[in-house]
Amino acid sequence: MSTAVERTRAVVETRNFLRILATAEQVTVPGLVQTVANGLLRHYPLDDDLEVSALALPGIWAPPDGTGRE
């Protein structure tokens, strides 16, 4: 189970990773994207976490729609 600090770090680091990908001209290291993505997903919030967050902070989070593609 992930801690609140690990989940928060995963969200922040995922945002940073996506910014890097969005501005990169070329990703040249084979497997780099998959390796980093797997590390970030390890503590990324699950639908249950988002549901609890949405109940506690409805102005910030919405409940997941159940598709697994939030």
N, C-alpha and C. Protein backbone atom coordinates (compact mmCIF):
# COMPACT_ATOMS: atom_id res chain seq x y z
N MET A 1 0.84 -1.17 0.00
CA MET A 1 0.00 0.00 0.00
C MET A 1 0.89 1.24 0.00
N SER A 2 0.51 2.21 -0.77
CA SER A 2 1.27 3.45 -0.87
C SER A 2 0.86 4.41 0.24
N THR A 3 1.81 5.23 0.65
CA THR A 3 1.51 6.27 1.63
C THR A 3 1.04 7.53 0.90
N ALA A 4 0.50 8.47 1.64
CA ALA A 4 0.06 9.74 1.05
C ALA A 4 1.23 10.46 0.38
N VAL A 5 2.39 10.42 1.01
CA VAL A 5 3.57 11.08 0.44
C VAL A 5 3.96 10.42 -0.88
N GLU A 6 3.93 9.09 -0.94
CA GLU A 6 4.28 8.39 -2.17
C GLU A 6 3.28 8.68 -3.29
N ARG A 7 1.99 8.73 -2.95
CA ARG A 7 0.98 9.05 -3.97
C ARG A 7 1.15 10.46 -4.49
N THR A 8 1.36 11.40 -3.57
CA THR A 8 1.56 12.80 -3.99
C THR A 8 2.79 12.91 -4.88
N ARG A 9 3.88 12.27 -4.47
CA ARG A 9 5.11 12.31 -5.26
C ARG A 9 4.87 11.72 -6.65
N ALA A 10 4.10 10.63 -6.73
CA ALA A 10 3.81 10.01 -8.03
C ALA A 10 3.06 10.96 -8.94
N VAL A 11 2.10 11.69 -8.39
CA VAL A 11 1.33 12.64 -9.20
C VAL A 11 2.24 13.76 -9.70
N VAL A 12 3.04 14.33 -8.81
CA VAL A 12 3.93 15.43 -9.19
C VAL A 12 4.99 14.96 -10.19
N GLU A 13 5.60 13.81 -9.93
CA GLU A 13 6.63 13.32 -10.83
C GLU A 13 6.06 12.88 -12.18
N THR A 14 4.83 12.40 -12.19
CA THR A 14 4.19 12.04 -13.46
C THR A 14 3.95 13.30 -14.29
N ARG A 15 3.49 14.37 -13.64
CA ARG A 15 3.30 15.63 -14.35
C ARG A 15 4.63 16.10 -14.96
N ASN A 16 5.70 16.03 -14.18
CA ASN A 16 7.01 16.44 -14.68
C ASN A 16 7.46 15.56 -15.84
N PHE A 17 7.25 14.25 -15.71
CA PHE A 17 7.61 13.31 -16.77
C PHE A 17 6.84 13.61 -18.06
N LEU A 18 5.55 13.88 -17.93
CA LEU A 18 4.75 14.20 -19.11
C LEU A 18 5.20 15.51 -19.76
N ARG A 19 5.63 16.46 -18.95
CA ARG A 19 6.17 17.71 -19.51
C ARG A 19 7.44 17.44 -20.31
N ILE A 20 8.29 16.57 -19.77
CA ILE A 20 9.52 16.21 -20.48
C ILE A 20 9.18 15.55 -21.81
N LEU A 21 8.26 14.59 -21.78
CA LEU A 21 7.87 13.91 -23.02
C LEU A 21 7.25 14.87 -24.01
N ALA A 22 6.47 15.81 -23.52
CA ALA A 22 5.79 16.75 -24.40
C ALA A 22 6.75 17.69 -25.12
N THR A 23 7.90 17.94 -24.50
CA THR A 23 8.84 18.87 -25.11
C THR A 23 10.05 18.18 -25.74
N ALA A 24 10.18 16.88 -25.58
CA ALA A 24 11.33 16.15 -26.12
C ALA A 24 11.21 16.02 -27.63
N GLU A 25 12.30 16.25 -28.30
CA GLU A 25 12.32 16.07 -29.74
C GLU A 25 12.38 14.59 -30.11
N GLN A 26 13.06 13.82 -29.26
CA GLN A 26 13.22 12.40 -29.55
C GLN A 26 13.62 11.68 -28.27
N VAL A 27 13.00 10.52 -28.04
CA VAL A 27 13.40 9.67 -26.92
C VAL A 27 14.27 8.57 -27.52
N THR A 28 15.54 8.53 -27.10
CA THR A 28 16.48 7.65 -27.78
C THR A 28 16.93 6.44 -26.97
N VAL A 29 16.59 6.39 -25.69
CA VAL A 29 17.04 5.27 -24.87
C VAL A 29 15.93 4.22 -24.84
N PRO A 30 16.19 3.04 -25.46
CA PRO A 30 15.16 2.00 -25.49
C PRO A 30 14.73 1.60 -24.08
N GLY A 31 13.43 1.54 -23.89
CA GLY A 31 12.89 1.12 -22.61
C GLY A 31 12.81 2.21 -21.55
N LEU A 32 13.36 3.39 -21.82
CA LEU A 32 13.36 4.46 -20.82
C LEU A 32 11.94 4.86 -20.43
N VAL A 33 11.09 5.08 -21.41
CA VAL A 33 9.73 5.52 -21.13
C VAL A 33 9.01 4.48 -20.29
N GLN A 34 9.13 3.22 -20.66
CA GLN A 34 8.44 2.17 -19.92
C GLN A 34 8.98 2.06 -18.49
N THR A 35 10.27 2.18 -18.32
CA THR A 35 10.88 2.07 -17.00
C THR A 35 10.40 3.20 -16.09
N VAL A 36 10.43 4.42 -16.60
CA VAL A 36 9.98 5.56 -15.80
C VAL A 36 8.48 5.46 -15.52
N ALA A 37 7.70 5.11 -16.53
CA ALA A 37 6.25 4.98 -16.35
C ALA A 37 5.90 3.94 -15.29
N ASN A 38 6.55 2.80 -15.31
CA ASN A 38 6.29 1.78 -14.30
C ASN A 38 6.65 2.25 -12.90
N GLY A 39 7.73 2.99 -12.77
CA GLY A 39 8.11 3.53 -11.47
C GLY A 39 7.09 4.52 -10.95
N LEU A 40 6.58 5.37 -11.84
CA LEU A 40 5.58 6.35 -11.43
C LEU A 40 4.25 5.70 -11.09
N LEU A 41 3.87 4.70 -11.86
CA LEU A 41 2.59 4.03 -11.63
C LEU A 41 2.56 3.22 -10.34
N ARG A 42 3.72 2.88 -9.82
CA ARG A 42 3.77 2.07 -8.60
C ARG A 42 2.98 2.70 -7.46
N HIS A 43 3.02 4.02 -7.34
CA HIS A 43 2.31 4.72 -6.26
C HIS A 43 1.25 5.68 -6.78
N TYR A 44 0.92 5.58 -8.06
CA TYR A 44 -0.08 6.48 -8.63
C TYR A 44 -1.45 6.14 -8.03
N PRO A 45 -2.29 7.13 -7.76
CA PRO A 45 -3.58 6.86 -7.12
C PRO A 45 -4.45 5.90 -7.94
N LEU A 46 -5.08 4.98 -7.22
CA LEU A 46 -6.03 4.05 -7.83
C LEU A 46 -7.42 4.69 -7.82
N ASP A 47 -8.38 4.06 -8.49
CA ASP A 47 -9.74 4.58 -8.52
C ASP A 47 -10.31 4.73 -7.10
N ASP A 48 -10.01 3.78 -6.22
CA ASP A 48 -10.49 3.87 -4.83
C ASP A 48 -9.94 5.12 -4.15
N ASP A 49 -8.67 5.43 -4.39
CA ASP A 49 -8.07 6.63 -3.81
C ASP A 49 -8.75 7.88 -4.34
N LEU A 50 -9.05 7.90 -5.64
CA LEU A 50 -9.71 9.05 -6.24
C LEU A 50 -11.13 9.20 -5.72
N GLU A 51 -11.82 8.09 -5.49
CA GLU A 51 -13.17 8.13 -4.94
C GLU A 51 -13.17 8.76 -3.55
N VAL A 52 -12.25 8.33 -2.70
CA VAL A 52 -12.15 8.90 -1.35
C VAL A 52 -11.81 10.39 -1.42
N SER A 53 -10.88 10.73 -2.29
CA SER A 53 -10.50 12.14 -2.45
C SER A 53 -11.66 12.98 -2.95
N ALA A 54 -12.45 12.43 -3.87
CA ALA A 54 -13.60 13.15 -4.41
C ALA A 54 -14.65 13.39 -3.33
N LEU A 55 -14.85 12.40 -2.46
CA LEU A 55 -15.81 12.57 -1.37
C LEU A 55 -15.36 13.64 -0.38
N ALA A 56 -14.05 13.67 -0.12
CA ALA A 56 -13.50 14.63 0.84
C ALA A 56 -13.35 16.03 0.26
N LEU A 57 -13.01 16.10 -1.02
CA LEU A 57 -12.73 17.39 -1.67
C LEU A 57 -13.43 17.47 -3.03
N PRO A 58 -14.77 17.56 -3.05
CA PRO A 58 -15.50 17.53 -4.32
C PRO A 58 -15.21 18.70 -5.24
N GLY A 59 -14.68 19.79 -4.70
CA GLY A 59 -14.33 20.93 -5.54
C GLY A 59 -13.01 20.75 -6.26
N ILE A 60 -12.23 19.75 -5.86
CA ILE A 60 -10.91 19.51 -6.44
C ILE A 60 -10.89 18.22 -7.25
N TRP A 61 -11.53 17.16 -6.75
CA TRP A 61 -11.54 15.85 -7.41
C TRP A 61 -12.96 15.46 -7.76
N ALA A 62 -13.10 14.72 -8.84
CA ALA A 62 -14.38 14.12 -9.22
C ALA A 62 -14.23 12.61 -9.08
N PRO A 63 -15.33 11.91 -8.81
CA PRO A 63 -15.22 10.46 -8.75
C PRO A 63 -14.81 9.90 -10.11
N PRO A 64 -14.03 8.84 -10.13
CA PRO A 64 -13.65 8.23 -11.40
C PRO A 64 -14.88 7.69 -12.10
N ASP A 65 -14.82 7.65 -13.43
CA ASP A 65 -16.00 7.20 -14.20
C ASP A 65 -16.04 5.70 -14.40
N GLY A 66 -15.04 4.97 -13.87
CA GLY A 66 -15.06 3.52 -13.95
C GLY A 66 -14.44 2.93 -15.20
N THR A 67 -13.92 3.75 -16.09
CA THR A 67 -13.33 3.26 -17.32
C THR A 67 -11.86 2.88 -17.14
N GLY A 68 -11.25 3.34 -16.06
CA GLY A 68 -9.83 3.08 -15.86
C GLY A 68 -8.95 3.97 -16.70
N ARG A 69 -9.53 5.00 -17.33
CA ARG A 69 -8.76 5.90 -18.20
C ARG A 69 -8.80 7.33 -17.70
N GLU A 70 -8.83 7.53 -16.40
CA GLU A 70 -8.89 8.89 -15.86
C GLU A 70 -7.59 9.60 -16.10
